[in-house]
Amino acid sequence: MLALENDGQPYPPNVIARLEVFAQHVARDERGPAATPADPD
């Protein structure tokens, strides 16, 4: 879950970056554990 407040102003770049990272994590989790990179160890 990601909570954001908005007063009508554009989001600053750091908030946009957090949204992008959150979306990537959601997409990765939707693909499941088989799609995650293998541990090199």
C-alpha atoms as a PDB file:
ATOM      1  CA  MET A   1       0.000   0.000   0.000  1.00  0.00           C
ATOM      2  CA  LEU A   2       1.205   3.470  -0.814  1.00  0.00           C
ATOM      3  CA  ALA A   3      -0.558   6.527   0.561  1.00  0.00           C
ATOM      4  CA  LEU A   4      -0.219   9.897  -1.148  1.00  0.00           C
ATOM      5  CA  GLU A   5      -1.801  13.239  -0.444  1.00  0.00           C
ATOM      6  CA  ASN A   6      -2.547  15.622  -3.296  1.00  0.00           C
ATOM      7  CA  ASP A   7      -3.566  19.262  -3.090  1.00  0.00           C
ATOM      8  CA  GLY A   8      -3.802  19.654  -6.863  1.00  0.00           C
ATOM      9  CA  GLN A   9      -0.139  20.515  -7.395  1.00  0.00           C
ATOM     10  CA  PRO A  10       2.166  18.299  -9.481  1.00  0.00           C
ATOM     11  CA  TYR A  11       4.162  15.734  -7.535  1.00  0.00           C
ATOM     12  CA  PRO A  12       7.860  16.488  -7.038  1.00  0.00           C
ATOM     13  CA  PRO A  13      10.403  14.227  -8.761  1.00  0.00           C
ATOM     14  CA  ASN A  14      11.180  12.226  -5.605  1.00  0.00           C
ATOM     15  CA  VAL A  15       7.506  11.244  -5.244  1.00  0.00           C
ATOM     16  CA  ILE A  16       7.351  10.243  -8.921  1.00  0.00           C
ATOM     17  CA  ALA A  17      10.445   8.084  -8.393  1.00  0.00           C
ATOM     18  CA  ARG A  18       8.824   6.380  -5.382  1.00  0.00           C
ATOM     19  CA  LEU A  19       5.702   5.690  -7.450  1.00  0.00           C
ATOM     20  CA  GLU A  20       7.782   4.121 -10.207  1.00  0.00           C
ATOM     21  CA  VAL A  21       9.675   1.895  -7.748  1.00  0.00           C
ATOM     22  CA  PHE A  22       6.395   0.862  -6.105  1.00  0.00           C
ATOM     23  CA  ALA A  23       4.891  -0.017  -9.510  1.00  0.00           C
ATOM     24  CA  GLN A  24       7.975  -2.084 -10.397  1.00  0.00           C
ATOM     25  CA  HIS A  25       7.690  -3.998  -7.115  1.00  0.00           C
ATOM     26  CA  VAL A  26       4.011  -4.689  -7.750  1.00  0.00           C
ATOM     27  CA  ALA A  27       4.757  -5.898 -11.277  1.00  0.00           C
ATOM     28  CA  ARG A  28       7.562  -8.144 -10.000  1.00  0.00           C
ATOM     29  CA  ASP A  29       5.343  -9.614  -7.285  1.00  0.00           C
ATOM     30  CA  GLU A  30       2.534 -10.226  -9.812  1.00  0.00           C
ATOM     31  CA  ARG A  31       4.905 -12.307 -11.962  1.00  0.00           C
ATOM     32  CA  GLY A  32       5.657 -14.565  -9.006  1.00  0.00           C
ATOM     33  CA  PRO A  33       8.824 -16.097  -7.625  1.00  0.00           C
ATOM     34  CA  ALA A  34       9.700 -17.960 -10.850  1.00  0.00           C
ATOM     35  CA  ALA A  35      10.318 -14.654 -12.647  1.00  0.00           C
ATOM     36  CA  THR A  36      12.694 -13.198 -10.018  1.00  0.00           C
ATOM     37  CA  PRO A  37      16.431 -13.312 -10.775  1.00  0.00           C
ATOM     38  CA  ALA A  38      18.304 -16.267  -9.350  1.00  0.00           C
ATOM     39  CA  ASP A  39      20.586 -15.728  -6.380  1.00  0.00           C
ATOM     40  CA  PRO A  40      24.190 -15.810  -7.676  1.00  0.00           C
ATOM     41  CA  ASP A  41      25.434 -17.633  -4.547  1.00  0.00           C
END
